[in-house]
Amino acid sequence: MKLVAPFFFPLALAAVAALVVGDARADIYKYVDSAGVVHFTTTRPGNGQGHVYIKGDSRRSMTGVAVPPSDRDVARFSRYDEHIRQAAALYQIPEQLVRAIIKVESDYDPRAVSVSGARGLMQLMPDTADRLQVRDIDDPRENIFGGVRFLRILANSFNGDLELTVAAYNAGEGEVMRSGGIPAIPETRDYVTRVTRFYRRYRTIPDVTEASLAGE
């Protein structure tokens, strides 16, 4: 499935990590194409004009202590609407996909922490957030903007393919490239299924709360 909206392709920026960090710590390169469009990618540009925009590293933050989502107030599903709309518009990512990622990653609870140390609504790793100059990883707005930046770069890397973009958010861009598709990792395959299911629900059900609760 392609993310075929015409606005999906011109921009790309940054890196973030989900529950499985994978290659999200790779260098980010910046280059300008012949049409003057600025691109950001984790793949070194072949034209020799690109330069490292954000330097990656090999550190892994492993806390070993998870804080599962615990917010049960249905108001949480619309609490971050403004931030989601702003980030989706800025990085030209479908708003419904941002919501689907947040739903699956944290169930809209900004206090959620994974066993690997990923935090917040879109489950950013602390070292990745630092490189992206996210000042407060626990701030909902900054967390959302960081996560959507990562979706932008993955969407460009996989030519707008929805399932590969989502798989890379979970397993890392390199893992998806090595697999030539969705990696044969049960967690990743389940993640792709859940995210794409909610993505379709947010696209077809106007009420955000109803869409978020559908099928639970």
Protein backbone atom coordinates (compact mmCIF):
# COMPACT_ATOMS: atom_id res chain seq x y z
CA MET A 1 0.00 0.00 0.00
CA LYS A 2 1.29 3.45 -0.94
CA LEU A 3 0.78 6.67 0.94
CA VAL A 4 -0.30 8.29 -2.28
CA ALA A 5 -1.42 11.74 -1.14
CA PRO A 6 0.43 14.20 -3.43
CA PHE A 7 1.86 16.10 -0.47
CA PHE A 8 3.62 13.06 0.95
CA PHE A 9 6.96 13.24 -0.83
CA PRO A 10 8.75 16.66 -0.88
CA LEU A 11 10.17 16.81 2.66
CA ALA A 12 12.16 14.57 4.95
CA LEU A 13 13.81 15.13 8.32
CA ALA A 14 15.37 13.54 11.33
CA ALA A 15 15.37 10.32 13.31
CA VAL A 16 13.58 8.83 16.25
CA ALA A 17 13.25 5.39 17.76
CA ALA A 18 10.30 3.24 18.70
CA LEU A 19 10.29 0.13 20.87
CA VAL A 20 12.96 -1.47 18.68
CA VAL A 21 15.70 1.06 17.94
CA GLY A 22 17.40 -0.67 15.02
CA ASP A 23 19.14 1.72 12.62
CA ALA A 24 17.35 4.86 13.74
CA ARG A 25 20.70 6.07 15.13
CA ALA A 26 22.21 6.35 11.64
CA ASP A 27 23.68 9.59 10.30
CA ILE A 28 21.18 11.97 8.69
CA TYR A 29 22.35 13.53 5.41
CA LYS A 30 21.04 16.75 3.88
CA TYR A 31 21.13 17.55 0.16
CA VAL A 32 19.39 19.75 -2.41
CA ASP A 33 18.18 18.22 -5.68
CA SER A 34 18.20 19.83 -9.13
CA ALA A 35 14.76 21.30 -8.52
CA GLY A 36 15.96 23.05 -5.38
CA VAL A 37 14.08 20.75 -3.00
CA VAL A 38 15.84 20.06 0.31
CA HIS A 39 16.02 16.39 1.30
CA PHE A 40 17.06 14.60 4.49
CA THR A 41 17.96 10.90 4.37
CA THR A 42 19.85 8.21 6.25
CA THR A 43 21.45 7.07 2.96
CA ARG A 44 24.60 8.91 1.81
CA PRO A 45 23.65 10.90 -1.34
CA GLY A 46 25.26 9.58 -4.51
CA ASN A 47 25.73 13.04 -6.04
CA GLY A 48 28.51 13.88 -3.59
CA GLN A 49 26.72 17.06 -2.54
CA GLY A 50 25.15 15.86 0.66
CA HIS A 51 26.58 16.47 4.11
CA VAL A 52 25.91 15.03 7.55
CA TYR A 53 23.08 17.01 9.11
CA ILE A 54 22.75 14.95 12.32
CA LYS A 55 25.52 12.61 13.43
CA GLY A 56 24.35 9.20 14.60
CA ASP A 57 25.96 7.03 17.24
CA SER A 58 25.84 3.47 18.51
CA ARG A 59 24.67 4.12 22.03
CA ARG A 60 21.63 2.26 23.32
CA SER A 61 19.58 3.41 26.27
CA MET A 62 18.41 0.39 28.22
CA THR A 63 16.63 1.12 31.45
CA GLY A 64 15.00 -2.26 31.89
CA VAL A 65 12.06 -0.55 33.62
CA ALA A 66 8.84 -0.18 31.67
CA VAL A 67 5.95 2.11 32.50
CA PRO A 68 2.93 0.85 30.55
CA PRO A 69 0.14 3.22 29.46
CA SER A 70 -2.27 3.82 32.32
CA ASP A 71 -4.37 6.84 31.28
CA ARG A 72 -7.96 5.65 30.82
CA ASP A 73 -9.59 9.05 30.29
CA VAL A 74 -11.18 9.00 26.83
CA ALA A 75 -10.42 12.72 26.57
CA ARG A 76 -6.80 11.75 25.90
CA PHE A 77 -7.67 10.81 22.31
CA SER A 78 -8.37 14.44 21.40
CA ARG A 79 -6.10 16.12 23.96
CA TYR A 80 -3.18 16.47 21.54
CA ASP A 81 -5.13 17.36 18.40
CA GLU A 82 -3.41 20.69 17.82
CA HIS A 83 0.09 19.25 18.12
CA ILE A 84 -0.77 16.35 15.82
CA ARG A 85 -2.26 18.64 13.17
CA GLN A 86 0.70 21.02 13.30
CA ALA A 87 3.32 18.28 13.03
CA ALA A 88 1.45 16.45 10.28
CA ALA A 89 1.14 19.65 8.26
CA LEU A 90 4.76 20.69 8.80
CA TYR A 91 6.26 17.35 7.79
CA GLN A 92 3.53 16.46 5.30
CA ILE A 93 2.54 13.18 6.88
CA PRO A 94 -1.12 12.07 7.01
CA GLU A 95 -2.60 13.10 10.33
CA GLN A 96 -4.35 9.74 10.57
CA LEU A 97 -1.01 7.91 10.40
CA VAL A 98 0.40 10.02 13.22
CA ARG A 99 -2.64 9.14 15.32
CA ALA A 100 -2.28 5.45 14.50
CA ILE A 101 1.37 5.43 15.58
CA ILE A 102 0.55 7.21 18.83
CA LYS A 103 -2.34 4.83 19.51
CA VAL A 104 -0.19 1.72 19.08
CA GLU A 105 2.97 3.11 20.70
CA SER A 106 1.55 4.67 23.86
CA ASP A 107 -2.26 4.60 23.70
CA TYR A 108 -2.08 8.41 23.95
CA ASP A 109 -0.34 8.32 27.35
CA PRO A 110 2.71 10.67 27.38
CA ARG A 111 4.00 8.97 30.56
CA ALA A 112 4.53 5.60 28.84
CA VAL A 113 8.09 4.21 28.87
CA SER A 114 9.23 1.04 27.09
CA VAL A 115 11.64 -1.52 28.54
CA SER A 116 14.33 -0.14 26.21
CA GLY A 117 13.81 3.40 27.50
CA ALA A 118 11.68 4.83 24.68
CA ARG A 119 9.44 7.53 26.09
CA GLY A 120 6.28 9.46 25.48
CA LEU A 121 3.47 9.50 22.98
CA MET A 122 5.60 8.38 20.02
CA GLN A 123 8.19 6.47 22.06
CA LEU A 124 11.40 8.41 21.43
CA MET A 125 14.74 7.08 22.64
CA PRO A 126 16.58 9.68 24.77
CA ASP A 127 19.77 9.67 22.67
CA THR A 128 17.79 10.18 19.47
CA ALA A 129 15.79 12.98 21.05
CA ASP A 130 19.03 14.67 22.09
CA ARG A 131 20.40 14.61 18.56
CA LEU A 132 17.15 16.10 17.29
CA GLN A 133 17.43 18.88 19.87
CA VAL A 134 14.22 17.80 21.55
CA ARG A 135 14.54 19.74 24.76
CA ASP A 136 12.00 17.77 26.77
CA ILE A 137 11.29 14.22 25.62
CA ASP A 138 8.32 14.03 27.99
CA ASP A 139 6.69 17.14 26.54
CA PRO A 140 3.82 15.91 24.32
CA ARG A 141 4.35 18.52 21.63
CA GLU A 142 8.09 17.97 21.30
CA ASN A 143 7.66 14.21 21.40
CA ILE A 144 5.07 14.30 18.62
CA PHE A 145 7.17 16.58 16.41
CA GLY A 146 10.20 14.32 16.86
CA GLY A 147 8.26 11.20 15.94
CA VAL A 148 6.68 12.77 12.87
CA ARG A 149 10.10 13.91 11.65
CA PHE A 150 11.19 10.29 11.69
CA LEU A 151 8.09 9.19 9.80
CA ARG A 152 8.91 11.81 7.17
CA ILE A 153 12.38 10.47 6.50
CA LEU A 154 11.19 6.86 6.46
CA ALA A 155 8.39 7.70 4.03
CA ASN A 156 10.94 9.23 1.66
CA SER A 157 13.31 6.29 2.07
CA PHE A 158 10.59 3.79 1.14
CA ASN A 159 8.92 5.83 -1.61
CA GLY A 160 5.76 6.36 0.38
CA ASP A 161 5.08 2.67 1.00
CA LEU A 162 2.87 2.66 4.08
CA GLU A 163 3.71 -0.80 5.42
CA LEU A 164 7.47 -0.46 4.93
CA THR A 165 7.45 3.00 6.54
CA VAL A 166 5.61 1.65 9.55
CA ALA A 167 7.82 -1.44 9.77
CA ALA A 168 10.92 0.74 9.72
CA TYR A 169 9.55 2.91 12.53
CA ASN A 170 9.45 -0.21 14.66
CA ALA A 171 12.39 -2.31 13.48
CA GLY A 172 14.70 0.29 11.94
CA GLU A 173 15.29 1.31 8.34
CA GLY A 174 18.30 -0.96 7.91
CA GLU A 175 16.40 -4.05 9.06
CA VAL A 176 13.66 -3.41 6.51
CA MET A 177 16.19 -2.86 3.72
CA ARG A 178 18.07 -6.04 4.60
CA SER A 179 14.83 -8.00 4.63
CA GLY A 180 13.64 -6.58 1.34
CA GLY A 181 10.25 -5.99 2.93
CA ILE A 182 8.61 -6.31 6.32
CA PRO A 183 11.09 -8.20 8.55
CA ALA A 184 10.08 -11.66 9.75
CA ILE A 185 9.94 -10.40 13.32
CA PRO A 186 6.64 -11.27 15.04
CA GLU A 187 6.58 -7.98 16.97
CA THR A 188 7.16 -5.94 13.82
CA ARG A 189 4.58 -7.82 11.76
CA ASP A 190 2.00 -7.40 14.52
CA TYR A 191 2.96 -3.73 14.83
CA VAL A 192 2.42 -3.11 11.11
CA THR A 193 -0.95 -4.86 11.23
CA ARG A 194 -2.13 -2.81 14.22
CA VAL A 195 -0.89 0.55 12.92
CA THR A 196 -2.36 0.09 9.45
CA ARG A 197 -5.65 -1.05 10.98
CA PHE A 198 -5.92 2.09 13.10
CA TYR A 199 -4.75 4.22 10.17
CA ARG A 200 -7.74 2.99 8.15
CA ARG A 201 -10.07 3.54 11.10
CA TYR A 202 -8.94 7.13 11.55
CA ARG A 203 -9.48 7.71 7.84
CA THR A 204 -12.99 6.25 7.80
CA ILE A 205 -14.38 7.12 11.24
CA PRO A 206 -14.70 10.92 11.72
CA ASP A 207 -14.86 10.80 15.51
CA VAL A 208 -11.34 10.37 16.90
CA THR A 209 -12.51 8.82 20.16
CA GLU A 210 -14.75 6.32 18.40
CA ALA A 211 -11.97 5.37 16.00
CA SER A 212 -9.51 4.97 18.87
CA LEU A 213 -11.81 2.66 20.79
CA ALA A 214 -12.98 0.63 17.80
CA GLY A 215 -12.01 -3.02 18.12
CA GLU A 216 -10.70 -2.76 21.70
